[in-house]
Amino acid sequence: MTIVGHQKQIKFLKQMVEKGKIPHALLFSGPSKIGKKALAWQMASWILGEKPETHPDFLFLEPKKKGQIQINQIRELSWRLNLKPIKANLIFGIIDEAHLMTKEAQNCFLKTLEEPKSNTILILITPYPSLLLPTVLSRCQEIKFYPLAKSEMRKFLEGKGISEKEIEELVEFSGGRPGVAVEFLENPRKFILRKLLIKKLNRFPTLTLFERFQLVEELSQEENLKEILETWLTYLRSFLIKNFLREKVSFNLSFLRLKRAIEKIQETIYLISLTNINPSFALELLMLEF
């Protein structure tokens, strides 16, 4: 995995490793597809001395059943952490999308955090740290990751065989997230669809109630609904930063209403990710509040 940017975080983690003062549990937080997982794997290779994917003392956990991390996955992780390392001096574990642990799984995981083994290191990765239990958060040292500056994104995209215009479009639509830019390069159709989604968002405040519920019906059929909402969220956040000094911003939304829209999209992502709510109902709530 290629790491782009995040030099302060890299320097901080390297110092931890060199001094041998690594907390038992780290929390990498920040937007999705920004490089958190790549750096977590890199840190594992520093400590284990080789590529983690083939190392017997490396554990990787991610959502499986119903898009969640279930309690049985955490129980197995805890069991593995209690064993002696096979090859290295310690066991290194990564939990990706940690916010998708069920409450039962988080409570079970808490026991592991409360009584950590001296020869274990864990990294939790999440774009939504607020969805973790406060008791879990309090036992992890958080390292925050932020979107890359436009200059960093441009430098990353140079030499990819695309025009200056395409570079500027990718910089704008990726929201400072290298992983998103790579997806667009690998799948140009996805980039076109992303631009269409932004057009729909820009039109949203002018839609009638009937048109809004037509949009609900359309979106609720999408398999990648969460990704669509995250696209809107990234765009609105970027727009909010650009316009925070203005009383009114594009598409006739006040600053406070735009902020509210961002909060409601975040809530909707939470509802469809961690509850059994009907996607159509969650979208209807969003449409009424936007």
C-alpha atoms as a PDB file:
ATOM      1  CA  MET A   1       0.000   0.000   0.000  1.00  0.00           C
ATOM      2  CA  THR A   2       1.329   3.427  -0.993  1.00  0.00           C
ATOM      3  CA  ILE A   3       1.295   6.162   1.629  1.00  0.00           C
ATOM      4  CA  VAL A   4       0.749   9.705   0.392  1.00  0.00           C
ATOM      5  CA  GLY A   5       1.235  12.624   2.770  1.00  0.00           C
ATOM      6  CA  HIS A   6       0.734  12.362   6.558  1.00  0.00           C
ATOM      7  CA  GLN A   7       4.389  13.110   7.270  1.00  0.00           C
ATOM      8  CA  LYS A   8       3.723  14.302  10.841  1.00  0.00           C
ATOM      9  CA  GLN A   9       1.892  11.082  11.688  1.00  0.00           C
ATOM     10  CA  ILE A  10       4.616   8.962  10.087  1.00  0.00           C
ATOM     11  CA  LYS A  11       7.353  10.779  12.027  1.00  0.00           C
ATOM     12  CA  PHE A  12       5.425  10.439  15.300  1.00  0.00           C
ATOM     13  CA  LEU A  13       4.852   6.695  14.823  1.00  0.00           C
ATOM     14  CA  LYS A  14       8.462   6.065  13.808  1.00  0.00           C
ATOM     15  CA  GLN A  15       9.641   7.788  16.978  1.00  0.00           C
ATOM     16  CA  MET A  16       7.339   5.538  18.996  1.00  0.00           C
ATOM     17  CA  VAL A  17       8.808   2.445  17.358  1.00  0.00           C
ATOM     18  CA  GLU A  18      12.426   3.617  17.719  1.00  0.00           C
ATOM     19  CA  LYS A  19      11.963   4.435  21.413  1.00  0.00           C
ATOM     20  CA  GLY A  20      10.010   1.249  22.054  1.00  0.00           C
ATOM     21  CA  LYS A  21       7.234   3.254  23.669  1.00  0.00           C
ATOM     22  CA  ILE A  22       4.183   2.039  21.779  1.00  0.00           C
ATOM     23  CA  PRO A  23       0.760   2.059  23.460  1.00  0.00           C
ATOM     24  CA  HIS A  24      -1.105  -1.243  23.554  1.00  0.00           C
ATOM     25  CA  ALA A  25      -3.932   0.320  21.562  1.00  0.00           C
ATOM     26  CA  LEU A  26      -3.852   3.087  18.940  1.00  0.00           C
ATOM     27  CA  LEU A  27      -6.828   4.636  17.180  1.00  0.00           C
ATOM     28  CA  PHE A  28      -6.322   5.938  13.636  1.00  0.00           C
ATOM     29  CA  SER A  29      -9.219   8.298  12.918  1.00  0.00           C
ATOM     30  CA  GLY A  30     -10.051  10.410   9.887  1.00  0.00           C
ATOM     31  CA  PRO A  31     -11.976  10.298   6.594  1.00  0.00           C
ATOM     32  CA  SER A  32     -12.150   7.019   4.686  1.00  0.00           C
ATOM     33  CA  LYS A  33      -9.653   6.250   1.902  1.00  0.00           C
ATOM     34  CA  ILE A  34      -7.179   8.796   3.217  1.00  0.00           C
ATOM     35  CA  GLY A  35      -4.287   6.437   4.012  1.00  0.00           C
ATOM     36  CA  LYS A  36      -4.975   5.272   7.586  1.00  0.00           C
ATOM     37  CA  LYS A  37      -4.952   1.579   6.734  1.00  0.00           C
ATOM     38  CA  ALA A  38      -1.845   1.890   4.563  1.00  0.00           C
ATOM     39  CA  LEU A  39       0.068   3.459   7.442  1.00  0.00           C
ATOM     40  CA  ALA A  40      -1.234   0.867   9.925  1.00  0.00           C
ATOM     41  CA  TRP A  41       0.130  -1.905   7.687  1.00  0.00           C
ATOM     42  CA  GLN A  42       3.392  -0.004   7.292  1.00  0.00           C
ATOM     43  CA  MET A  43       3.740   0.263  11.052  1.00  0.00           C
ATOM     44  CA  ALA A  44       3.136  -3.482  11.337  1.00  0.00           C
ATOM     45  CA  SER A  45       5.992  -4.119   8.888  1.00  0.00           C
ATOM     46  CA  TRP A  46       8.327  -1.843  10.888  1.00  0.00           C
ATOM     47  CA  ILE A  47       7.645  -3.791  14.050  1.00  0.00           C
ATOM     48  CA  LEU A  48       7.391  -7.331  12.649  1.00  0.00           C
ATOM     49  CA  GLY A  49      10.358  -6.838  10.326  1.00  0.00           C
ATOM     50  CA  GLU A  50       8.610  -8.088   7.186  1.00  0.00           C
ATOM     51  CA  LYS A  51       5.404  -7.828   5.205  1.00  0.00           C
ATOM     52  CA  PRO A  52       2.555  -8.392   7.659  1.00  0.00           C
ATOM     53  CA  GLU A  53       0.225 -10.286   5.307  1.00  0.00           C
ATOM     54  CA  THR A  54       2.394 -13.419   5.489  1.00  0.00           C
ATOM     55  CA  HIS A  55       3.501 -13.069   9.123  1.00  0.00           C
ATOM     56  CA  PRO A  56       2.052 -15.573  11.630  1.00  0.00           C
ATOM     57  CA  ASP A  57       1.889 -12.934  14.369  1.00  0.00           C
ATOM     58  CA  PHE A  58      -0.195 -10.483  12.347  1.00  0.00           C
ATOM     59  CA  LEU A  59      -3.972 -10.331  12.796  1.00  0.00           C
ATOM     60  CA  PHE A  60      -6.374  -8.388  10.594  1.00  0.00           C
ATOM     61  CA  LEU A  61     -10.056  -7.982  11.393  1.00  0.00           C
ATOM     62  CA  GLU A  62     -12.738  -6.351   9.237  1.00  0.00           C
ATOM     63  CA  PRO A  63     -16.547  -6.391   8.930  1.00  0.00           C
ATOM     64  CA  LYS A  64     -18.041  -9.567   7.499  1.00  0.00           C
ATOM     65  CA  LYS A  65     -21.564 -10.703   8.318  1.00  0.00           C
ATOM     66  CA  LYS A  66     -24.175  -7.987   7.659  1.00  0.00           C
ATOM     67  CA  GLY A  67     -21.402  -5.440   7.246  1.00  0.00           C
ATOM     68  CA  GLN A  68     -20.586  -5.563  10.951  1.00  0.00           C
ATOM     69  CA  ILE A  69     -17.863  -6.904  13.215  1.00  0.00           C
ATOM     70  CA  GLN A  70     -19.578  -9.536  15.324  1.00  0.00           C
ATOM     71  CA  ILE A  71     -18.817 -10.618  18.880  1.00  0.00           C
ATOM     72  CA  ASN A  72     -17.517 -14.017  17.720  1.00  0.00           C
ATOM     73  CA  GLN A  73     -14.838 -12.235  15.648  1.00  0.00           C
ATOM     74  CA  ILE A  74     -13.716 -10.296  18.722  1.00  0.00           C
ATOM     75  CA  ARG A  75     -13.697 -13.447  20.850  1.00  0.00           C
ATOM     76  CA  GLU A  76     -11.437 -15.154  18.322  1.00  0.00           C
ATOM     77  CA  LEU A  77      -9.182 -12.076  18.212  1.00  0.00           C
ATOM     78  CA  SER A  78      -8.921 -12.061  22.022  1.00  0.00           C
ATOM     79  CA  TRP A  79      -8.099 -15.775  22.019  1.00  0.00           C
ATOM     80  CA  ARG A  80      -5.330 -15.242  19.452  1.00  0.00           C
ATOM     81  CA  LEU A  81      -3.920 -12.317  21.440  1.00  0.00           C
ATOM     82  CA  ASN A  82      -3.622 -14.560  24.508  1.00  0.00           C
ATOM     83  CA  LEU A  83      -1.357 -16.989  22.666  1.00  0.00           C
ATOM     84  CA  LYS A  84       2.417 -16.637  22.562  1.00  0.00           C
ATOM     85  CA  PRO A  85       3.928 -15.010  19.452  1.00  0.00           C
ATOM     86  CA  ILE A  86       5.177 -17.568  16.934  1.00  0.00           C
ATOM     87  CA  LYS A  87       7.942 -15.675  15.173  1.00  0.00           C
ATOM     88  CA  ALA A  88       8.171 -12.105  16.479  1.00  0.00           C
ATOM     89  CA  ASN A  89       8.380 -10.724  20.005  1.00  0.00           C
ATOM     90  CA  LEU A  90       4.766  -9.631  19.929  1.00  0.00           C
ATOM     91  CA  ILE A  91       1.407  -9.990  18.193  1.00  0.00           C
ATOM     92  CA  PHE A  92       0.241  -7.091  16.026  1.00  0.00           C
ATOM     93  CA  GLY A  93      -3.469  -6.681  15.279  1.00  0.00           C
ATOM     94  CA  ILE A  94      -5.463  -4.274  13.121  1.00  0.00           C
ATOM     95  CA  ILE A  95      -9.229  -3.753  13.341  1.00  0.00           C
ATOM     96  CA  ASP A  96     -10.467  -2.002  10.213  1.00  0.00           C
ATOM     97  CA  GLU A  97     -13.777  -0.076  10.273  1.00  0.00           C
ATOM     98  CA  ALA A  98     -13.760  -0.468  14.062  1.00  0.00           C
ATOM     99  CA  HIS A  99     -16.950   1.592  14.419  1.00  0.00           C
ATOM    100  CA  LEU A 100     -18.810  -1.321  12.821  1.00  0.00           C
ATOM    101  CA  MET A 101     -18.260  -3.473  15.889  1.00  0.00           C
ATOM    102  CA  THR A 102     -21.651  -4.267  17.395  1.00  0.00           C
ATOM    103  CA  LYS A 103     -22.242  -3.053  20.965  1.00  0.00           C
ATOM    104  CA  GLU A 104     -21.805  -6.611  22.185  1.00  0.00           C
ATOM    105  CA  ALA A 105     -18.533  -6.862  20.270  1.00  0.00           C
ATOM    106  CA  GLN A 106     -17.294  -3.546  21.699  1.00  0.00           C
ATOM    107  CA  ASN A 107     -18.120  -4.595  25.246  1.00  0.00           C
ATOM    108  CA  CYS A 108     -16.287  -7.867  24.676  1.00  0.00           C
ATOM    109  CA  PHE A 109     -13.319  -6.006  23.177  1.00  0.00           C
ATOM    110  CA  LEU A 110     -13.246  -3.701  26.186  1.00  0.00           C
ATOM    111  CA  LYS A 111     -12.080  -6.625  28.328  1.00  0.00           C
ATOM    112  CA  THR A 112      -9.057  -7.015  26.049  1.00  0.00           C
ATOM    113  CA  LEU A 113      -8.272  -3.300  26.382  1.00  0.00           C
ATOM    114  CA  GLU A 114      -8.673  -3.326  30.154  1.00  0.00           C
ATOM    115  CA  GLU A 115      -6.207  -6.188  30.613  1.00  0.00           C
ATOM    116  CA  PRO A 116      -3.731  -5.792  27.730  1.00  0.00           C
ATOM    117  CA  LYS A 117      -0.929  -8.263  27.256  1.00  0.00           C
ATOM    118  CA  SER A 118       2.558  -6.765  27.291  1.00  0.00           C
ATOM    119  CA  ASN A 119       3.382  -8.434  23.960  1.00  0.00           C
ATOM    120  CA  THR A 120       0.433  -7.136  21.923  1.00  0.00           C
ATOM    121  CA  ILE A 121      -0.209  -4.004  19.848  1.00  0.00           C
ATOM    122  CA  LEU A 122      -3.601  -3.128  18.385  1.00  0.00           C
ATOM    123  CA  ILE A 123      -4.598  -0.453  15.889  1.00  0.00           C
ATOM    124  CA  LEU A 124      -8.250   0.484  15.453  1.00  0.00           C
ATOM    125  CA  ILE A 125      -9.112   2.276  12.198  1.00  0.00           C
ATOM    126  CA  THR A 126     -12.277   4.319  11.769  1.00  0.00           C
ATOM    127  CA  PRO A 127     -13.685   7.426  10.078  1.00  0.00           C
ATOM    128  CA  TYR A 128     -16.285   7.653  12.854  1.00  0.00           C
ATOM    129  CA  PRO A 129     -14.603   7.465  16.294  1.00  0.00           C
ATOM    130  CA  SER A 130     -17.735   8.918  17.933  1.00  0.00           C
ATOM    131  CA  LEU A 131     -19.528   5.632  17.185  1.00  0.00           C
ATOM    132  CA  LEU A 132     -17.178   3.752  19.505  1.00  0.00           C
ATOM    133  CA  LEU A 133     -18.062   3.393  23.170  1.00  0.00           C
ATOM    134  CA  PRO A 134     -16.461   6.114  25.346  1.00  0.00           C
ATOM    135  CA  THR A 135     -14.863   3.357  27.422  1.00  0.00           C
ATOM    136  CA  VAL A 136     -13.172   1.976  24.288  1.00  0.00           C
ATOM    137  CA  LEU A 137     -12.033   5.427  23.154  1.00  0.00           C
ATOM    138  CA  SER A 138     -10.557   6.256  26.538  1.00  0.00           C
ATOM    139  CA  ARG A 139      -8.245   3.229  26.356  1.00  0.00           C
ATOM    140  CA  CYS A 140      -6.783   4.070  22.960  1.00  0.00           C
ATOM    141  CA  GLN A 141      -4.308   6.752  21.976  1.00  0.00           C
ATOM    142  CA  GLU A 142      -5.910   8.567  19.071  1.00  0.00           C
ATOM    143  CA  ILE A 143      -3.922   9.693  16.050  1.00  0.00           C
ATOM    144  CA  LYS A 144      -5.924  11.907  13.722  1.00  0.00           C
ATOM    145  CA  PHE A 145      -5.582  11.964   9.955  1.00  0.00           C
ATOM    146  CA  TYR A 146      -6.736  14.839   7.771  1.00  0.00           C
ATOM    147  CA  PRO A 147      -7.445  15.298   4.046  1.00  0.00           C
ATOM    148  CA  LEU A 148      -4.333  16.079   2.032  1.00  0.00           C
ATOM    149  CA  ALA A 149      -3.679  19.611   0.817  1.00  0.00           C
ATOM    150  CA  LYS A 150      -4.442  20.250  -2.838  1.00  0.00           C
ATOM    151  CA  SER A 151      -0.739  20.708  -3.532  1.00  0.00           C
ATOM    152  CA  GLU A 152      -0.030  17.217  -2.150  1.00  0.00           C
ATOM    153  CA  MET A 153      -2.836  15.721  -4.218  1.00  0.00           C
ATOM    154  CA  ARG A 154      -1.561  17.419  -7.390  1.00  0.00           C
ATOM    155  CA  LYS A 155       1.950  16.112  -6.770  1.00  0.00           C
ATOM    156  CA  PHE A 156       0.540  12.612  -6.215  1.00  0.00           C
ATOM    157  CA  LEU A 157      -1.444  12.726  -9.484  1.00  0.00           C
ATOM    158  CA  GLU A 158       1.373  14.115 -11.651  1.00  0.00           C
ATOM    159  CA  GLY A 159       2.902  11.477 -13.884  1.00  0.00           C
ATOM    160  CA  LYS A 160      -0.295   9.407 -13.945  1.00  0.00           C
ATOM    161  CA  GLY A 161      -0.740  10.080 -17.655  1.00  0.00           C
ATOM    162  CA  ILE A 162      -3.651  12.483 -17.304  1.00  0.00           C
ATOM    163  CA  SER A 163      -4.129  16.099 -18.367  1.00  0.00           C
ATOM    164  CA  GLU A 164      -3.900  19.159 -16.126  1.00  0.00           C
ATOM    165  CA  LYS A 165      -7.668  19.561 -16.381  1.00  0.00           C
ATOM    166  CA  GLU A 166      -8.227  15.957 -15.245  1.00  0.00           C
ATOM    167  CA  ILE A 167      -5.783  16.465 -12.376  1.00  0.00           C
ATOM    168  CA  GLU A 168      -7.715  19.533 -11.190  1.00  0.00           C
ATOM    169  CA  GLU A 169     -11.023  17.657 -11.430  1.00  0.00           C
ATOM    170  CA  LEU A 170      -9.643  14.726  -9.453  1.00  0.00           C
ATOM    171  CA  VAL A 171      -8.181  17.053  -6.826  1.00  0.00           C
ATOM    172  CA  GLU A 172     -11.561  18.762  -6.448  1.00  0.00           C
ATOM    173  CA  PHE A 173     -13.742  15.645  -6.366  1.00  0.00           C
ATOM    174  CA  SER A 174     -11.492  13.404  -4.262  1.00  0.00           C
ATOM    175  CA  GLY A 175     -11.650  15.762  -1.290  1.00  0.00           C
ATOM    176  CA  GLY A 176      -8.006  15.288  -0.333  1.00  0.00           C
ATOM    177  CA  ARG A 177      -8.336  11.477  -0.222  1.00  0.00           C
ATOM    178  CA  PRO A 178      -5.733   9.614  -2.329  1.00  0.00           C
ATOM    179  CA  GLY A 179      -7.701   6.357  -2.226  1.00  0.00           C
ATOM    180  CA  VAL A 180     -10.677   8.026  -3.873  1.00  0.00           C
ATOM    181  CA  ALA A 181      -8.476   9.538  -6.601  1.00  0.00           C
ATOM    182  CA  VAL A 182      -6.992   6.105  -7.331  1.00  0.00           C
ATOM    183  CA  GLU A 183     -10.483   4.606  -7.611  1.00  0.00           C
ATOM    184  CA  PHE A 184     -11.425   7.290 -10.127  1.00  0.00           C
ATOM    185  CA  LEU A 185      -8.288   6.634 -12.178  1.00  0.00           C
ATOM    186  CA  GLU A 186      -8.967   2.897 -12.224  1.00  0.00           C
ATOM    187  CA  ASN A 187     -12.668   3.321 -12.955  1.00  0.00           C
ATOM    188  CA  PRO A 188     -13.420   6.447 -15.049  1.00  0.00           C
ATOM    189  CA  ARG A 189     -17.116   5.521 -15.164  1.00  0.00           C
ATOM    190  CA  LYS A 190     -17.258   5.822 -11.408  1.00  0.00           C
ATOM    191  CA  PHE A 191     -15.834   9.337 -11.698  1.00  0.00           C
ATOM    192  CA  ILE A 192     -18.558  10.306 -14.178  1.00  0.00           C
ATOM    193  CA  LEU A 193     -21.238   8.946 -11.839  1.00  0.00           C
ATOM    194  CA  ARG A 194     -19.662  10.856  -8.950  1.00  0.00           C
ATOM    195  CA  LYS A 195     -20.005  14.135 -10.872  1.00  0.00           C
ATOM    196  CA  LEU A 196     -23.652  13.324 -11.621  1.00  0.00           C
ATOM    197  CA  LEU A 197     -24.237  12.774  -7.900  1.00  0.00           C
ATOM    198  CA  ILE A 198     -22.846  16.217  -7.121  1.00  0.00           C
ATOM    199  CA  LYS A 199     -25.138  17.734  -9.745  1.00  0.00           C
ATOM    200  CA  LYS A 200     -28.112  16.110  -8.006  1.00  0.00           C
ATOM    201  CA  LEU A 201     -26.928  17.482  -4.685  1.00  0.00           C
ATOM    202  CA  ASN A 202     -26.612  21.003  -6.075  1.00  0.00           C
ATOM    203  CA  ARG A 203     -30.180  20.807  -7.372  1.00  0.00           C
ATOM    204  CA  PHE A 204     -31.542  19.412  -4.128  1.00  0.00           C
ATOM    205  CA  PRO A 205     -32.801  22.594  -2.372  1.00  0.00           C
ATOM    206  CA  THR A 206     -34.872  23.501  -5.446  1.00  0.00           C
ATOM    207  CA  LEU A 207     -36.658  20.134  -5.627  1.00  0.00           C
ATOM    208  CA  THR A 208     -40.322  19.875  -4.710  1.00  0.00           C
ATOM    209  CA  LEU A 209     -41.387  17.421  -2.009  1.00  0.00           C
ATOM    210  CA  PHE A 210     -42.642  15.051  -4.709  1.00  0.00           C
ATOM    211  CA  GLU A 211     -39.283  15.197  -6.532  1.00  0.00           C
ATOM    212  CA  ARG A 212     -37.425  14.571  -3.285  1.00  0.00           C
ATOM    213  CA  PHE A 213     -39.368  11.390  -2.634  1.00  0.00           C
ATOM    214  CA  GLN A 214     -38.775  10.300  -6.214  1.00  0.00           C
ATOM    215  CA  LEU A 215     -35.071  10.671  -5.431  1.00  0.00           C
ATOM    216  CA  VAL A 216     -35.547   8.576  -2.268  1.00  0.00           C
ATOM    217  CA  GLU A 217     -37.033   5.770  -4.349  1.00  0.00           C
ATOM    218  CA  GLU A 218     -34.133   5.971  -6.785  1.00  0.00           C
ATOM    219  CA  LEU A 219     -31.391   6.071  -4.138  1.00  0.00           C
ATOM    220  CA  SER A 220     -32.884   3.309  -1.975  1.00  0.00           C
ATOM    221  CA  GLN A 221     -32.303   0.862  -4.849  1.00  0.00           C
ATOM    222  CA  GLU A 222     -28.589   1.635  -4.968  1.00  0.00           C
ATOM    223  CA  GLU A 223     -26.257  -1.045  -3.596  1.00  0.00           C
ATOM    224  CA  ASN A 224     -23.627   1.557  -2.739  1.00  0.00           C
ATOM    225  CA  LEU A 225     -25.949   3.938  -0.867  1.00  0.00           C
ATOM    226  CA  LYS A 226     -23.437   4.524   1.910  1.00  0.00           C
ATOM    227  CA  GLU A 227     -20.779   5.503  -0.641  1.00  0.00           C
ATOM    228  CA  ILE A 228     -23.219   7.942  -2.285  1.00  0.00           C
ATOM    229  CA  LEU A 229     -23.924   9.606   1.058  1.00  0.00           C
ATOM    230  CA  GLU A 230     -20.209   9.794   1.834  1.00  0.00           C
ATOM    231  CA  THR A 231     -19.699  11.497  -1.551  1.00  0.00           C
ATOM    232  CA  TRP A 232     -22.218  14.168  -0.601  1.00  0.00           C
ATOM    233  CA  LEU A 233     -20.711  14.474   2.858  1.00  0.00           C
ATOM    234  CA  THR A 234     -17.195  15.060   1.497  1.00  0.00           C
ATOM    235  CA  TYR A 235     -18.450  17.630  -0.995  1.00  0.00           C
ATOM    236  CA  LEU A 236     -20.487  19.584   1.547  1.00  0.00           C
ATOM    237  CA  ARG A 237     -17.658  19.601   4.080  1.00  0.00           C
ATOM    238  CA  SER A 238     -15.309  20.984   1.447  1.00  0.00           C
ATOM    239  CA  PHE A 239     -17.880  23.569   0.447  1.00  0.00           C
ATOM    240  CA  LEU A 240     -18.463  24.580   4.061  1.00  0.00           C
ATOM    241  CA  ILE A 241     -14.751  25.205   4.602  1.00  0.00           C
ATOM    242  CA  LYS A 242     -14.544  27.335   1.458  1.00  0.00           C
ATOM    243  CA  ASN A 243     -17.556  29.442   2.386  1.00  0.00           C
ATOM    244  CA  PHE A 244     -17.497  29.614   6.171  1.00  0.00           C
ATOM    245  CA  LEU A 245     -17.083  33.394   6.149  1.00  0.00           C
ATOM    246  CA  ARG A 246     -20.126  33.994   3.965  1.00  0.00           C
ATOM    247  CA  GLU A 247     -23.680  34.386   5.199  1.00  0.00           C
ATOM    248  CA  LYS A 248     -25.084  32.597   2.157  1.00  0.00           C
ATOM    249  CA  VAL A 249     -23.501  29.846   0.093  1.00  0.00           C
ATOM    250  CA  SER A 250     -24.400  28.136  -3.174  1.00  0.00           C
ATOM    251  CA  PHE A 251     -27.841  26.604  -3.719  1.00  0.00           C
ATOM    252  CA  ASN A 252     -29.443  29.034  -1.221  1.00  0.00           C
ATOM    253  CA  LEU A 253     -28.408  27.252   1.950  1.00  0.00           C
ATOM    254  CA  SER A 254     -27.390  29.343   4.921  1.00  0.00           C
ATOM    255  CA  PHE A 255     -24.242  28.425   6.816  1.00  0.00           C
ATOM    256  CA  LEU A 256     -26.267  26.911   9.669  1.00  0.00           C
ATOM    257  CA  ARG A 257     -28.521  24.951   7.335  1.00  0.00           C
ATOM    258  CA  LEU A 258     -25.528  23.612   5.454  1.00  0.00           C
ATOM    259  CA  LYS A 259     -23.983  22.539   8.754  1.00  0.00           C
ATOM    260  CA  ARG A 260     -27.273  20.866   9.674  1.00  0.00           C
ATOM    261  CA  ALA A 261     -27.344  19.044   6.319  1.00  0.00           C
ATOM    262  CA  ILE A 262     -23.868  17.638   7.008  1.00  0.00           C
ATOM    263  CA  GLU A 263     -24.988  16.428  10.446  1.00  0.00           C
ATOM    264  CA  LYS A 264     -28.098  14.765   8.993  1.00  0.00           C
ATOM    265  CA  ILE A 265     -26.093  12.947   6.311  1.00  0.00           C
ATOM    266  CA  GLN A 266     -23.735  11.691   9.039  1.00  0.00           C
ATOM    267  CA  GLU A 267     -26.730  10.459  11.031  1.00  0.00           C
ATOM    268  CA  THR A 268     -28.142   8.710   7.966  1.00  0.00           C
ATOM    269  CA  ILE A 269     -24.825   6.940   7.315  1.00  0.00           C
ATOM    270  CA  TYR A 270     -24.882   5.805  10.944  1.00  0.00           C
ATOM    271  CA  LEU A 271     -28.467   4.537  10.667  1.00  0.00           C
ATOM    272  CA  ILE A 272     -27.887   2.471   7.533  1.00  0.00           C
ATOM    273  CA  SER A 273     -24.527   1.158   8.810  1.00  0.00           C
ATOM    274  CA  LEU A 274     -25.322   0.170  12.366  1.00  0.00           C
ATOM    275  CA  THR A 275     -29.070  -0.325  12.625  1.00  0.00           C
ATOM    276  CA  ASN A 276     -31.713  -2.387  10.865  1.00  0.00           C
ATOM    277  CA  ILE A 277     -33.568   0.698   9.665  1.00  0.00           C
ATOM    278  CA  ASN A 278     -35.151   0.534   6.219  1.00  0.00           C
ATOM    279  CA  PRO A 279     -32.898   2.590   3.861  1.00  0.00           C
ATOM    280  CA  SER A 280     -35.954   4.260   2.300  1.00  0.00           C
ATOM    281  CA  PHE A 281     -37.150   5.440   5.706  1.00  0.00           C
ATOM    282  CA  ALA A 282     -33.695   6.766   6.628  1.00  0.00           C
ATOM    283  CA  LEU A 283     -33.535   8.668   3.330  1.00  0.00           C
ATOM    284  CA  GLU A 284     -37.035  10.085   3.834  1.00  0.00           C
ATOM    285  CA  LEU A 285     -35.941  11.496   7.187  1.00  0.00           C
ATOM    286  CA  LEU A 286     -32.914  13.042   5.487  1.00  0.00           C
ATOM    287  CA  MET A 287     -35.010  14.606   2.721  1.00  0.00           C
ATOM    288  CA  LEU A 288     -37.377  16.214   5.226  1.00  0.00           C
ATOM    289  CA  GLU A 289     -34.558  17.681   7.314  1.00  0.00           C
ATOM    290  CA  PHE A 290     -32.269  18.873   4.498  1.00  0.00           C
END
